[in-house]
Amino acid sequence: MNADFAIYPHSGYTVIVLANRGHPHAANVAEFIGARLPRA
């Protein structure tokens, strides 16, 4: 199991990803989502 938690204070978003696979799957998904969030 793997998890990743990211806060983007300037845009007001919080990203939480839980994965049933090992490292780095959750981090990869969180980075993918974070890269596509609008910039404040």
Foldseek 3Di string as FASTA:
>chain_A
DDKDWDADVQQGDIDIFDDPDDPPVRVVVVVVVVVPDDGD
